[in-house]
Amino acid sequence: MIHAQGLVQTFQTKEGKEKKQIRAVDGVDLDIAEGEVVGFLGPNGAGKTTTLRMLTTLLKPTEGTATVAGYDVVTQSEDVRRSIGYVSQSGGVSSYARAGEEVMDHGMLYGRTMAQVQKRGKELFEELQLDGLWNRTSKTLSGGQKRRLDIAMGLIHDPTLIFLDEPTTGLDPQARANLWEHIADMRTRRGATVFLTTHYLDEADTLSDRIIIIDQGRIVASDTSDNLKAEVAGDLVDLEVADLDRVGEAAKRLGTLGDGNSDVEIDGRRVSGRVQRAGRAIPGLLRDLDATGVTLDAIEVHRPTLDDVFLTLTGRSLRDAEASTEKPEEHAPEGANS
C-alpha cells in the first residue's frame, strides 16, 4: 500500500549570512502492507512530519521515490490524493460551517454526488457518535466532537488508505479512548490501511500492528511493539535477596542471563537488571538461585515500555525529545508542493 525507497528531503536555512542545508529526511525506506495499522514515532525535527507530507503529496521529495495506493507521489499526485484520506494535526473544519454541510462539501470535491455524500455522511455521523450534530456549526462542538468531524471528512470518500497526524492531540482521556475505538474500527470493519503519527506512546502501543521509529531523518526501528520491547529494551527483573551476604551471588547469577553482558545494579538487598524475554529465563534463574543457596523475599518482572525502546535507540526519552525547541522540519523547504 505504501512503498518508499531512498526518500530524501533537504531544507535550506540561514545562519547569519550563511546558507545551510538541513537533511531532514535522509534515505527513508518504507513498506506498508494493505490492512496494516502502522504507528510512526519520532521527536520534533526527526523527519516524521516531513515524511508524512511527502507521502501525502504536500511536499516533493528532494531524492528517492514513493508510491502510495499504487500511484507515484510525484508524477501521479492527483491519483494519490483521490485514493487517500488525510486528517491533519491542525484539522480542516471551518468554525462557521454546519457540520453536515462541511462533510458533504468535502465529499463532493472527490466527485461524489450530493445524494452519495449525504448518505455516507449520515452513516459516518452515526459511527463516530456525532448523532444530532448535523446542523450544528463546528464552533459549538467540543474538542472531541471536532476531532471526530475531522475524521468523518477524511473518510467521506471511502479511502483505502488513511493518514492520521496526531489524531488525539488535546483531547481528554475519555475522548481519546473513544477515538481509539474508531481508529481500530477502520481496519477491523472497513479493511483500511492506517498510517498513524502520534506522540502518545500508549496510543501507538494499543493501536499499531507495527511501530516505525524515525530519528535524525532515518528509520532506526521497525517491528511489532512486543518485539521491540523484548529485543531492544528487555524486561526489568528486580530481586529482593533475603540474606545480604548472598546479594553478590544473586547479582552474578542474574548477570549471566541472556548474552552474559547484562548490566546489574545493586541497592542494599535489591538486585536488578534487564533480561530479554524474562518470562523464559526466570524459571531457570530460580532453580539456579535455589541450587546455590540464595533465598529471595520477592521477585518482580516489569515489562518495558515504548519509551524504554525509544530511549535505548536514540539515547533520549520521547517525552524529553518533544520538549526540545529545535524543529528543523518546520523550515521552509525547497521544492514544496502546495
C-alpha atoms as a PDB file:
ATOM      1  CA  MET A   1       0.000   0.000   0.000  1.00  0.00           C
ATOM      2  CA  ILE A   2       2.950   2.313   0.703  1.00  0.00           C
ATOM      3  CA  HIS A   3       6.383   1.747  -0.809  1.00  0.00           C
ATOM      4  CA  ALA A   4       9.176   4.292  -0.456  1.00  0.00           C
ATOM      5  CA  GLN A   5      12.819   3.950  -1.339  1.00  0.00           C
ATOM      6  CA  GLY A   6      15.599   6.384  -0.511  1.00  0.00           C
ATOM      7  CA  LEU A   7      13.322   9.317   0.342  1.00  0.00           C
ATOM      8  CA  VAL A   8      15.342  12.466   0.996  1.00  0.00           C
ATOM      9  CA  GLN A   9      14.211  15.977   1.855  1.00  0.00           C
ATOM     10  CA  THR A  10      16.597  18.884   2.324  1.00  0.00           C
ATOM     11  CA  PHE A  11      15.676  22.287   3.723  1.00  0.00           C
ATOM     12  CA  GLN A  12      17.693  25.428   3.221  1.00  0.00           C
ATOM     13  CA  THR A  13      18.074  27.782   6.169  1.00  0.00           C
ATOM     14  CA  LYS A  14      20.179  30.798   7.007  1.00  0.00           C
ATOM     15  CA  GLU A  15      22.561  31.211   9.912  1.00  0.00           C
ATOM     16  CA  GLY A  16      23.527  34.836   9.780  1.00  0.00           C
ATOM     17  CA  LYS A  17      24.703  35.486   6.229  1.00  0.00           C
ATOM     18  CA  GLU A  18      25.499  31.859   5.535  1.00  0.00           C
ATOM     19  CA  LYS A  19      23.086  29.422   3.947  1.00  0.00           C
ATOM     20  CA  LYS A  20      22.888  25.949   5.419  1.00  0.00           C
ATOM     21  CA  GLN A  21      21.201  22.791   4.182  1.00  0.00           C
ATOM     22  CA  ILE A  22      19.422  20.533   6.639  1.00  0.00           C
ATOM     23  CA  ARG A  23      18.798  16.948   5.571  1.00  0.00           C
ATOM     24  CA  ALA A  24      15.508  16.493   7.407  1.00  0.00           C
ATOM     25  CA  VAL A  25      14.799  13.103   5.820  1.00  0.00           C
ATOM     26  CA  ASP A  26      17.869  11.063   4.955  1.00  0.00           C
ATOM     27  CA  GLY A  27      17.158   7.981   2.846  1.00  0.00           C
ATOM     28  CA  VAL A  28      13.913   6.621   4.267  1.00  0.00           C
ATOM     29  CA  ASP A  29      12.661   3.217   3.065  1.00  0.00           C
ATOM     30  CA  LEU A  30       9.098   2.119   3.858  1.00  0.00           C
ATOM     31  CA  ASP A  31       6.977  -0.914   3.011  1.00  0.00           C
ATOM     32  CA  ILE A  32       3.467  -0.923   4.476  1.00  0.00           C
ATOM     33  CA  ALA A  33       1.048  -3.694   3.596  1.00  0.00           C
ATOM     34  CA  GLU A  34      -2.650  -3.398   2.844  1.00  0.00           C
ATOM     35  CA  GLY A  35      -4.758  -3.532   6.008  1.00  0.00           C
ATOM     36  CA  GLU A  36      -1.827  -2.716   8.307  1.00  0.00           C
ATOM     37  CA  VAL A  37      -2.002  -0.133  11.111  1.00  0.00           C
ATOM     38  CA  VAL A  38       1.413   1.494  11.494  1.00  0.00           C
ATOM     39  CA  GLY A  39       2.465   3.839  14.278  1.00  0.00           C
ATOM     40  CA  PHE A  40       5.102   6.326  13.092  1.00  0.00           C
ATOM     41  CA  LEU A  41       7.065   7.745  16.028  1.00  0.00           C
ATOM     42  CA  GLY A  42       9.792  10.344  16.309  1.00  0.00           C
ATOM     43  CA  PRO A  43      10.661  13.555  18.136  1.00  0.00           C
ATOM     44  CA  ASN A  44      10.261  17.022  16.677  1.00  0.00           C
ATOM     45  CA  GLY A  45      12.848  17.561  13.991  1.00  0.00           C
ATOM     46  CA  ALA A  46      13.352  13.837  13.357  1.00  0.00           C
ATOM     47  CA  GLY A  47      11.698  13.910   9.924  1.00  0.00           C
ATOM     48  CA  LYS A  48       8.335  12.435  10.897  1.00  0.00           C
ATOM     49  CA  THR A  49       6.105  15.251   9.652  1.00  0.00           C
ATOM     50  CA  THR A  50       8.268  15.818   6.578  1.00  0.00           C
ATOM     51  CA  THR A  51       7.961  12.141   5.603  1.00  0.00           C
ATOM     52  CA  LEU A  52       4.189  12.302   6.077  1.00  0.00           C
ATOM     53  CA  ARG A  53       3.956  15.400   3.880  1.00  0.00           C
ATOM     54  CA  MET A  54       5.921  13.712   1.104  1.00  0.00           C
ATOM     55  CA  LEU A  55       3.707  10.615   1.216  1.00  0.00           C
ATOM     56  CA  THR A  56       0.551  12.756   1.024  1.00  0.00           C
ATOM     57  CA  THR A  57       1.961  14.795  -1.923  1.00  0.00           C
ATOM     58  CA  LEU A  58       2.160  18.026   0.072  1.00  0.00           C
ATOM     59  CA  LEU A  59       5.926  18.115  -0.344  1.00  0.00           C
ATOM     60  CA  LYS A  60       8.004  16.956  -3.306  1.00  0.00           C
ATOM     61  CA  PRO A  61      10.919  14.662  -2.378  1.00  0.00           C
ATOM     62  CA  THR A  62      14.394  16.029  -2.996  1.00  0.00           C
ATOM     63  CA  GLU A  63      15.525  12.491  -3.837  1.00  0.00           C
ATOM     64  CA  GLY A  64      14.045   8.998  -3.846  1.00  0.00           C
ATOM     65  CA  THR A  65      10.737   7.508  -4.933  1.00  0.00           C
ATOM     66  CA  ALA A  66       7.459   6.612  -3.299  1.00  0.00           C
ATOM     67  CA  THR A  67       4.202   5.010  -4.383  1.00  0.00           C
ATOM     68  CA  VAL A  68       1.053   5.355  -2.309  1.00  0.00           C
ATOM     69  CA  ALA A  69      -2.031   3.247  -3.080  1.00  0.00           C
ATOM     70  CA  GLY A  70      -0.264   2.212  -6.278  1.00  0.00           C
ATOM     71  CA  TYR A  71       0.458   5.744  -7.538  1.00  0.00           C
ATOM     72  CA  ASP A  72       3.698   7.707  -7.735  1.00  0.00           C
ATOM     73  CA  VAL A  73       3.636  10.668  -5.317  1.00  0.00           C
ATOM     74  CA  VAL A  74       5.334  12.979  -7.844  1.00  0.00           C
ATOM     75  CA  THR A  75       4.017  12.027 -11.278  1.00  0.00           C
ATOM     76  CA  GLN A  76       0.556  10.834 -10.155  1.00  0.00           C
ATOM     77  CA  SER A  77      -0.074  13.128  -7.196  1.00  0.00           C
ATOM     78  CA  GLU A  78      -3.749  13.734  -8.065  1.00  0.00           C
ATOM     79  CA  ASP A  79      -4.428   9.989  -8.118  1.00  0.00           C
ATOM     80  CA  VAL A  80      -2.731   9.655  -4.719  1.00  0.00           C
ATOM     81  CA  ARG A  81      -4.932  12.383  -3.265  1.00  0.00           C
ATOM     82  CA  ARG A  82      -8.088  10.774  -4.618  1.00  0.00           C
ATOM     83  CA  SER A  83      -7.104   7.453  -3.027  1.00  0.00           C
ATOM     84  CA  ILE A  84      -6.197   8.563   0.490  1.00  0.00           C
ATOM     85  CA  GLY A  85      -7.850  10.144   3.485  1.00  0.00           C
ATOM     86  CA  TYR A  86      -5.792  12.683   5.383  1.00  0.00           C
ATOM     87  CA  VAL A  87      -6.571  14.075   8.830  1.00  0.00           C
ATOM     88  CA  SER A  88      -4.054  16.773   9.711  1.00  0.00           C
ATOM     89  CA  GLN A  89      -2.980  17.654  13.229  1.00  0.00           C
ATOM     90  CA  SER A  90      -4.466  21.145  12.950  1.00  0.00           C
ATOM     91  CA  GLY A  91      -7.757  19.943  11.476  1.00  0.00           C
ATOM     92  CA  GLY A  92      -9.579  21.329   8.463  1.00  0.00           C
ATOM     93  CA  VAL A  93     -13.031  22.254   9.734  1.00  0.00           C
ATOM     94  CA  SER A  94     -14.378  25.782   9.267  1.00  0.00           C
ATOM     95  CA  SER A  95     -15.593  27.346  12.505  1.00  0.00           C
ATOM     96  CA  TYR A  96     -18.815  28.702  10.977  1.00  0.00           C
ATOM     97  CA  ALA A  97     -19.833  25.914   8.608  1.00  0.00           C
ATOM     98  CA  ARG A  98     -22.535  23.456   9.581  1.00  0.00           C
ATOM     99  CA  ALA A  99     -21.015  20.067  10.336  1.00  0.00           C
ATOM    100  CA  GLY A 100     -23.101  18.118   7.827  1.00  0.00           C
ATOM    101  CA  GLU A 101     -22.592  20.632   5.031  1.00  0.00           C
ATOM    102  CA  GLU A 102     -18.844  20.665   5.672  1.00  0.00           C
ATOM    103  CA  VAL A 103     -18.612  16.886   5.304  1.00  0.00           C
ATOM    104  CA  MET A 104     -20.799  16.863   2.189  1.00  0.00           C
ATOM    105  CA  ASP A 105     -18.809  19.631   0.506  1.00  0.00           C
ATOM    106  CA  HIS A 106     -15.606  17.728   1.200  1.00  0.00           C
ATOM    107  CA  GLY A 107     -17.038  14.546  -0.295  1.00  0.00           C
ATOM    108  CA  MET A 108     -18.249  16.280  -3.449  1.00  0.00           C
ATOM    109  CA  LEU A 109     -14.733  17.594  -4.042  1.00  0.00           C
ATOM    110  CA  TYR A 110     -13.866  13.934  -4.702  1.00  0.00           C
ATOM    111  CA  GLY A 111     -16.522  13.680  -7.401  1.00  0.00           C
ATOM    112  CA  ARG A 112     -19.260  12.102  -5.291  1.00  0.00           C
ATOM    113  CA  THR A 113     -22.871  13.168  -5.855  1.00  0.00           C
ATOM    114  CA  MET A 114     -24.831  15.075  -3.227  1.00  0.00           C
ATOM    115  CA  ALA A 115     -27.019  12.033  -2.574  1.00  0.00           C
ATOM    116  CA  GLN A 116     -23.977   9.791  -2.132  1.00  0.00           C
ATOM    117  CA  VAL A 117     -22.178  12.069   0.315  1.00  0.00           C
ATOM    118  CA  GLN A 118     -25.320  12.791   2.307  1.00  0.00           C
ATOM    119  CA  LYS A 119     -25.980   9.078   2.760  1.00  0.00           C
ATOM    120  CA  ARG A 120     -22.361   8.317   3.600  1.00  0.00           C
ATOM    121  CA  GLY A 121     -22.107  11.363   5.844  1.00  0.00           C
ATOM    122  CA  LYS A 122     -25.122  10.290   7.912  1.00  0.00           C
ATOM    123  CA  GLU A 123     -23.577   6.824   8.298  1.00  0.00           C
ATOM    124  CA  LEU A 124     -20.269   8.294   9.472  1.00  0.00           C
ATOM    125  CA  PHE A 125     -22.004  10.617  11.950  1.00  0.00           C
ATOM    126  CA  GLU A 126     -23.700   7.589  13.489  1.00  0.00           C
ATOM    127  CA  GLU A 127     -20.488   5.506  13.543  1.00  0.00           C
ATOM    128  CA  LEU A 128     -18.469   8.361  15.074  1.00  0.00           C
ATOM    129  CA  GLN A 129     -21.096   9.263  17.664  1.00  0.00           C
ATOM    130  CA  LEU A 130     -21.933  12.597  16.084  1.00  0.00           C
ATOM    131  CA  ASP A 131     -25.680  11.946  16.045  1.00  0.00           C
ATOM    132  CA  GLY A 132     -27.753  15.121  16.271  1.00  0.00           C
ATOM    133  CA  LEU A 133     -24.871  17.387  15.244  1.00  0.00           C
ATOM    134  CA  TRP A 134     -25.524  17.513  11.505  1.00  0.00           C
ATOM    135  CA  ASN A 135     -26.879  21.070  11.570  1.00  0.00           C
ATOM    136  CA  ARG A 136     -24.607  22.397  14.321  1.00  0.00           C
ATOM    137  CA  THR A 137     -21.782  24.790  13.455  1.00  0.00           C
ATOM    138  CA  SER A 138     -18.366  23.412  14.319  1.00  0.00           C
ATOM    139  CA  LYS A 139     -17.569  26.306  16.681  1.00  0.00           C
ATOM    140  CA  THR A 140     -20.276  24.959  19.010  1.00  0.00           C
ATOM    141  CA  LEU A 141     -18.742  21.455  19.131  1.00  0.00           C
ATOM    142  CA  SER A 142     -16.430  20.100  21.815  1.00  0.00           C
ATOM    143  CA  GLY A 143     -12.806  19.261  21.054  1.00  0.00           C
ATOM    144  CA  GLY A 144     -13.580  15.553  20.805  1.00  0.00           C
ATOM    145  CA  GLN A 145     -16.544  16.184  18.510  1.00  0.00           C
ATOM    146  CA  LYS A 146     -14.442  18.412  16.236  1.00  0.00           C
ATOM    147  CA  ARG A 147     -11.741  15.757  16.015  1.00  0.00           C
ATOM    148  CA  ARG A 148     -14.304  13.091  15.084  1.00  0.00           C
ATOM    149  CA  LEU A 149     -15.701  15.506  12.498  1.00  0.00           C
ATOM    150  CA  ASP A 150     -12.202  15.828  11.039  1.00  0.00           C
ATOM    151  CA  ILE A 151     -12.085  12.038  10.740  1.00  0.00           C
ATOM    152  CA  ALA A 152     -15.530  11.952   9.094  1.00  0.00           C
ATOM    153  CA  MET A 153     -14.218  14.377   6.477  1.00  0.00           C
ATOM    154  CA  GLY A 154     -11.187  12.156   5.921  1.00  0.00           C
ATOM    155  CA  LEU A 155     -13.404   9.094   5.397  1.00  0.00           C
ATOM    156  CA  ILE A 156     -16.283  10.575   3.396  1.00  0.00           C
ATOM    157  CA  HIS A 157     -14.908   9.337   0.051  1.00  0.00           C
ATOM    158  CA  ASP A 158     -14.208   5.799   1.375  1.00  0.00           C
ATOM    159  CA  PRO A 159     -10.398   5.803   1.042  1.00  0.00           C
ATOM    160  CA  THR A 160      -8.481   2.559   1.360  1.00  0.00           C
ATOM    161  CA  LEU A 161      -5.548   4.329   2.992  1.00  0.00           C
ATOM    162  CA  ILE A 162      -5.874   6.848   5.834  1.00  0.00           C
ATOM    163  CA  PHE A 163      -3.173   9.154   7.201  1.00  0.00           C
ATOM    164  CA  LEU A 164      -3.853  10.360  10.742  1.00  0.00           C
ATOM    165  CA  ASP A 165      -1.490  13.060  12.012  1.00  0.00           C
ATOM    166  CA  GLU A 166      -1.679  13.323  15.820  1.00  0.00           C
ATOM    167  CA  PRO A 167      -5.418  12.493  15.822  1.00  0.00           C
ATOM    168  CA  THR A 168      -5.954  12.722  19.600  1.00  0.00           C
ATOM    169  CA  THR A 169      -3.773  15.717  20.492  1.00  0.00           C
ATOM    170  CA  GLY A 170      -5.544  17.930  23.025  1.00  0.00           C
ATOM    171  CA  LEU A 171      -8.373  15.508  23.771  1.00  0.00           C
ATOM    172  CA  ASP A 172      -9.398  14.473  27.268  1.00  0.00           C
ATOM    173  CA  PRO A 173      -8.822  10.808  28.265  1.00  0.00           C
ATOM    174  CA  GLN A 174     -12.409   9.730  27.595  1.00  0.00           C
ATOM    175  CA  ALA A 175     -12.459  11.350  24.159  1.00  0.00           C
ATOM    176  CA  ARG A 176      -9.086   9.748  23.372  1.00  0.00           C
ATOM    177  CA  ALA A 177     -10.365   6.293  24.374  1.00  0.00           C
ATOM    178  CA  ASN A 178     -13.471   6.722  22.206  1.00  0.00           C
ATOM    179  CA  LEU A 179     -11.394   7.822  19.245  1.00  0.00           C
ATOM    180  CA  TRP A 180      -9.101   4.806  19.696  1.00  0.00           C
ATOM    181  CA  GLU A 181     -12.124   2.570  19.156  1.00  0.00           C
ATOM    182  CA  HIS A 182     -12.983   4.370  15.930  1.00  0.00           C
ATOM    183  CA  ILE A 183      -9.417   4.130  14.619  1.00  0.00           C
ATOM    184  CA  ALA A 184      -9.281   0.396  15.359  1.00  0.00           C
ATOM    185  CA  ASP A 185     -12.656   0.034  13.666  1.00  0.00           C
ATOM    186  CA  MET A 186     -11.301   1.474  10.419  1.00  0.00           C
ATOM    187  CA  ARG A 187      -9.237  -1.645   9.913  1.00  0.00           C
ATOM    188  CA  THR A 188     -11.411  -4.311  11.520  1.00  0.00           C
ATOM    189  CA  ARG A 189     -14.668  -3.309   9.850  1.00  0.00           C
ATOM    190  CA  ARG A 190     -13.532  -1.379   6.793  1.00  0.00           C
ATOM    191  CA  GLY A 191     -10.254  -3.125   5.971  1.00  0.00           C
ATOM    192  CA  ALA A 192      -8.460   0.203   5.689  1.00  0.00           C
ATOM    193  CA  THR A 193      -4.714   0.752   5.983  1.00  0.00           C
ATOM    194  CA  VAL A 194      -3.881   3.336   8.669  1.00  0.00           C
ATOM    195  CA  PHE A 195      -0.683   5.391   8.902  1.00  0.00           C
ATOM    196  CA  LEU A 196      -0.702   6.996  12.337  1.00  0.00           C
ATOM    197  CA  THR A 197       1.671   9.598  13.739  1.00  0.00           C
ATOM    198  CA  THR A 198       1.442  10.234  17.452  1.00  0.00           C
ATOM    199  CA  HIS A 199       3.373  11.447  20.480  1.00  0.00           C
ATOM    200  CA  TYR A 200       1.293   9.259  22.793  1.00  0.00           C
ATOM    201  CA  LEU A 201       3.226   6.028  23.264  1.00  0.00           C
ATOM    202  CA  ASP A 202       0.276   4.188  24.811  1.00  0.00           C
ATOM    203  CA  GLU A 203      -1.747   5.103  21.729  1.00  0.00           C
ATOM    204  CA  ALA A 204       0.841   3.665  19.353  1.00  0.00           C
ATOM    205  CA  ASP A 205       1.192   0.595  21.569  1.00  0.00           C
ATOM    206  CA  THR A 206      -2.554  -0.079  21.623  1.00  0.00           C
ATOM    207  CA  LEU A 207      -3.470   0.624  18.015  1.00  0.00           C
ATOM    208  CA  SER A 208      -0.484  -0.348  15.880  1.00  0.00           C
ATOM    209  CA  ASP A 209       0.380  -3.667  14.277  1.00  0.00           C
ATOM    210  CA  ARG A 210       3.877  -2.305  13.748  1.00  0.00           C
ATOM    211  CA  ILE A 211       5.923   0.558  15.154  1.00  0.00           C
ATOM    212  CA  ILE A 212       8.318   2.551  12.974  1.00  0.00           C
ATOM    213  CA  ILE A 213      10.705   4.942  14.724  1.00  0.00           C
ATOM    214  CA  ILE A 214      12.489   7.719  12.863  1.00  0.00           C
ATOM    215  CA  ASP A 215      15.347   9.739  14.332  1.00  0.00           C
ATOM    216  CA  GLN A 216      17.639  12.275  12.668  1.00  0.00           C
ATOM    217  CA  GLY A 217      15.916  11.626   9.347  1.00  0.00           C
ATOM    218  CA  ARG A 218      16.500   7.869   9.332  1.00  0.00           C
ATOM    219  CA  ILE A 219      14.432   4.828  10.261  1.00  0.00           C
ATOM    220  CA  VAL A 220      16.043   3.330  13.377  1.00  0.00           C
ATOM    221  CA  ALA A 221      13.484   0.591  14.129  1.00  0.00           C
ATOM    222  CA  SER A 222      10.557  -1.198  12.506  1.00  0.00           C
ATOM    223  CA  ASP A 223       8.841  -4.102  14.247  1.00  0.00           C
ATOM    224  CA  THR A 224       5.904  -5.059  16.418  1.00  0.00           C
ATOM    225  CA  SER A 225       5.668  -3.343  19.774  1.00  0.00           C
ATOM    226  CA  ASP A 226       6.265  -6.599  21.658  1.00  0.00           C
ATOM    227  CA  ASN A 227       9.355  -7.468  19.627  1.00  0.00           C
ATOM    228  CA  LEU A 228      10.843  -4.015  20.060  1.00  0.00           C
ATOM    229  CA  LYS A 229      10.311  -4.160  23.801  1.00  0.00           C
ATOM    230  CA  ALA A 230      11.784  -7.643  24.088  1.00  0.00           C
ATOM    231  CA  GLU A 231      14.763  -7.232  21.794  1.00  0.00           C
ATOM    232  CA  VAL A 232      15.710  -3.610  22.365  1.00  0.00           C
ATOM    233  CA  ALA A 233      14.867  -2.833  25.983  1.00  0.00           C
ATOM    234  CA  GLY A 234      14.338  -6.184  27.682  1.00  0.00           C
ATOM    235  CA  ASP A 235      12.312  -6.891  30.830  1.00  0.00           C
ATOM    236  CA  LEU A 236      13.443  -5.402  34.143  1.00  0.00           C
ATOM    237  CA  VAL A 237      13.973  -8.196  36.715  1.00  0.00           C
ATOM    238  CA  ASP A 238      14.021  -6.990  40.324  1.00  0.00           C
ATOM    239  CA  LEU A 239      15.169  -9.397  43.061  1.00  0.00           C
ATOM    240  CA  GLU A 240      14.967  -8.862  46.814  1.00  0.00           C
ATOM    241  CA  VAL A 241      17.537 -11.168  48.436  1.00  0.00           C
ATOM    242  CA  ALA A 242      16.775 -12.421  51.944  1.00  0.00           C
ATOM    243  CA  ASP A 243      20.423 -12.591  53.095  1.00  0.00           C
ATOM    244  CA  LEU A 244      22.577  -9.503  52.484  1.00  0.00           C
ATOM    245  CA  ASP A 245      25.668 -11.726  52.298  1.00  0.00           C
ATOM    246  CA  ARG A 246      24.202 -13.528  49.258  1.00  0.00           C
ATOM    247  CA  VAL A 247      23.488 -10.393  47.209  1.00  0.00           C
ATOM    248  CA  GLY A 248      26.735 -10.742  45.257  1.00  0.00           C
ATOM    249  CA  GLU A 249      25.905 -14.308  44.253  1.00  0.00           C
ATOM    250  CA  ALA A 250      22.393 -13.276  43.163  1.00  0.00           C
ATOM    251  CA  ALA A 251      23.846 -10.424  41.078  1.00  0.00           C
ATOM    252  CA  LYS A 252      26.297 -12.833  39.450  1.00  0.00           C
ATOM    253  CA  ARG A 253      23.532 -15.278  38.518  1.00  0.00           C
ATOM    254  CA  LEU A 254      21.250 -12.544  37.176  1.00  0.00           C
ATOM    255  CA  GLY A 255      24.114 -11.083  35.137  1.00  0.00           C
ATOM    256  CA  THR A 256      24.716 -14.359  33.305  1.00  0.00           C
ATOM    257  CA  LEU A 257      21.226 -14.431  31.776  1.00  0.00           C
ATOM    258  CA  GLY A 258      20.931 -13.736  28.078  1.00  0.00           C
ATOM    259  CA  ASP A 259      24.246 -12.867  26.475  1.00  0.00           C
ATOM    260  CA  GLY A 260      26.056 -12.639  29.813  1.00  0.00           C
ATOM    261  CA  ASN A 261      26.655  -8.912  29.388  1.00  0.00           C
ATOM    262  CA  SER A 262      23.614  -7.637  31.264  1.00  0.00           C
ATOM    263  CA  ASP A 263      24.168  -4.588  33.460  1.00  0.00           C
ATOM    264  CA  VAL A 264      23.167  -5.432  37.035  1.00  0.00           C
ATOM    265  CA  GLU A 265      22.512  -2.828  39.730  1.00  0.00           C
ATOM    266  CA  ILE A 266      22.699  -3.492  43.481  1.00  0.00           C
ATOM    267  CA  ASP A 267      20.900  -1.385  46.089  1.00  0.00           C
ATOM    268  CA  GLY A 268      21.079  -2.954  49.538  1.00  0.00           C
ATOM    269  CA  ARG A 269      19.334  -6.307  49.265  1.00  0.00           C
ATOM    270  CA  ARG A 270      17.831  -5.402  45.891  1.00  0.00           C
ATOM    271  CA  VAL A 271      19.386  -6.647  42.664  1.00  0.00           C
ATOM    272  CA  SER A 272      18.003  -5.583  39.295  1.00  0.00           C
ATOM    273  CA  GLY A 273      18.881  -5.959  35.650  1.00  0.00           C
ATOM    274  CA  ARG A 274      17.298  -6.126  32.193  1.00  0.00           C
ATOM    275  CA  VAL A 275      16.734  -9.523  30.625  1.00  0.00           C
ATOM    276  CA  GLN A 276      15.376 -10.158  27.149  1.00  0.00           C
ATOM    277  CA  ARG A 277      12.164 -12.203  27.288  1.00  0.00           C
ATOM    278  CA  ALA A 278      12.489 -12.718  31.032  1.00  0.00           C
ATOM    279  CA  GLY A 279       9.459 -14.989  31.156  1.00  0.00           C
ATOM    280  CA  ARG A 280      11.531 -17.721  29.525  1.00  0.00           C
ATOM    281  CA  ALA A 281      14.585 -17.151  31.746  1.00  0.00           C
ATOM    282  CA  ILE A 282      13.027 -16.747  35.202  1.00  0.00           C
ATOM    283  CA  PRO A 283      12.288 -20.464  35.894  1.00  0.00           C
ATOM    284  CA  GLY A 284      15.926 -21.376  35.228  1.00  0.00           C
ATOM    285  CA  LEU A 285      17.146 -18.437  37.324  1.00  0.00           C
ATOM    286  CA  LEU A 286      15.039 -19.520  40.283  1.00  0.00           C
ATOM    287  CA  ARG A 287      16.359 -23.080  40.063  1.00  0.00           C
ATOM    288  CA  ASP A 288      19.921 -21.744  39.832  1.00  0.00           C
ATOM    289  CA  LEU A 289      19.499 -19.465  42.849  1.00  0.00           C
ATOM    290  CA  ASP A 290      17.954 -22.250  44.892  1.00  0.00           C
ATOM    291  CA  ALA A 291      20.801 -24.610  43.995  1.00  0.00           C
ATOM    292  CA  THR A 292      23.390 -22.084  45.201  1.00  0.00           C
ATOM    293  CA  GLY A 293      21.551 -21.360  48.443  1.00  0.00           C
ATOM    294  CA  VAL A 294      20.217 -17.898  47.573  1.00  0.00           C
ATOM    295  CA  THR A 295      16.797 -17.229  49.110  1.00  0.00           C
ATOM    296  CA  LEU A 296      14.564 -14.482  47.765  1.00  0.00           C
ATOM    297  CA  ASP A 297      11.981 -12.449  49.670  1.00  0.00           C
ATOM    298  CA  ALA A 298      10.477 -11.143  46.423  1.00  0.00           C
ATOM    299  CA  ILE A 299      10.875 -11.144  42.669  1.00  0.00           C
ATOM    300  CA  GLU A 300       9.214  -8.759  40.224  1.00  0.00           C
ATOM    301  CA  VAL A 301       9.324  -8.551  36.447  1.00  0.00           C
ATOM    302  CA  HIS A 302       8.461  -5.244  34.769  1.00  0.00           C
ATOM    303  CA  ARG A 303       7.704  -5.247  31.068  1.00  0.00           C
ATOM    304  CA  PRO A 304       9.442  -2.440  29.153  1.00  0.00           C
ATOM    305  CA  THR A 305       7.536   0.448  27.625  1.00  0.00           C
ATOM    306  CA  LEU A 306       7.874   2.021  24.211  1.00  0.00           C
ATOM    307  CA  ASP A 307       9.596   4.942  25.904  1.00  0.00           C
ATOM    308  CA  ASP A 308      12.260   2.479  27.115  1.00  0.00           C
ATOM    309  CA  VAL A 309      12.654   1.376  23.498  1.00  0.00           C
ATOM    310  CA  PHE A 310      12.943   4.960  22.296  1.00  0.00           C
ATOM    311  CA  LEU A 311      15.490   5.762  24.990  1.00  0.00           C
ATOM    312  CA  THR A 312      17.583   2.727  24.042  1.00  0.00           C
ATOM    313  CA  LEU A 313      17.541   3.543  20.322  1.00  0.00           C
ATOM    314  CA  THR A 314      18.010   7.306  20.426  1.00  0.00           C
ATOM    315  CA  GLY A 315      19.597   7.991  23.809  1.00  0.00           C
ATOM    316  CA  ARG A 316      16.681  10.154  24.889  1.00  0.00           C
ATOM    317  CA  SER A 317      13.116   9.803  26.074  1.00  0.00           C
ATOM    318  CA  LEU A 318      10.450  10.659  23.526  1.00  0.00           C
ATOM    319  CA  ARG A 319       8.827  12.941  26.102  1.00  0.00           C
ATOM    320  CA  ASP A 320      12.131  14.743  26.708  1.00  0.00           C
ATOM    321  CA  ALA A 321      12.751  14.982  22.983  1.00  0.00           C
ATOM    322  CA  GLU A 322       9.356  16.580  22.440  1.00  0.00           C
ATOM    323  CA  ALA A 323      10.300  19.366  24.853  1.00  0.00           C
ATOM    324  CA  SER A 324      13.088  20.445  22.503  1.00  0.00           C
ATOM    325  CA  THR A 325      12.521  23.749  20.766  1.00  0.00           C
ATOM    326  CA  GLU A 326      14.611  22.854  17.726  1.00  0.00           C
ATOM    327  CA  LYS A 327      12.277  21.891  14.900  1.00  0.00           C
ATOM    328  CA  PRO A 328      14.212  21.855  11.615  1.00  0.00           C
ATOM    329  CA  GLU A 329      11.431  20.168   9.689  1.00  0.00           C
ATOM    330  CA  GLU A 330       9.343  23.320  10.085  1.00  0.00           C
ATOM    331  CA  HIS A 331      11.768  25.418   7.995  1.00  0.00           C
ATOM    332  CA  ALA A 332      10.588  26.435   4.538  1.00  0.00           C
ATOM    333  CA  PRO A 333      11.535  23.569   2.201  1.00  0.00           C
ATOM    334  CA  GLU A 334      12.793  23.722  -1.325  1.00  0.00           C
ATOM    335  CA  GLY A 335      10.519  22.308  -3.997  1.00  0.00           C
ATOM    336  CA  ALA A 336       7.389  22.053  -1.853  1.00  0.00           C
ATOM    337  CA  ASN A 337       4.047  21.406  -3.497  1.00  0.00           C
ATOM    338  CA  SER A 338       1.023  23.307  -2.265  1.00  0.00           C
END
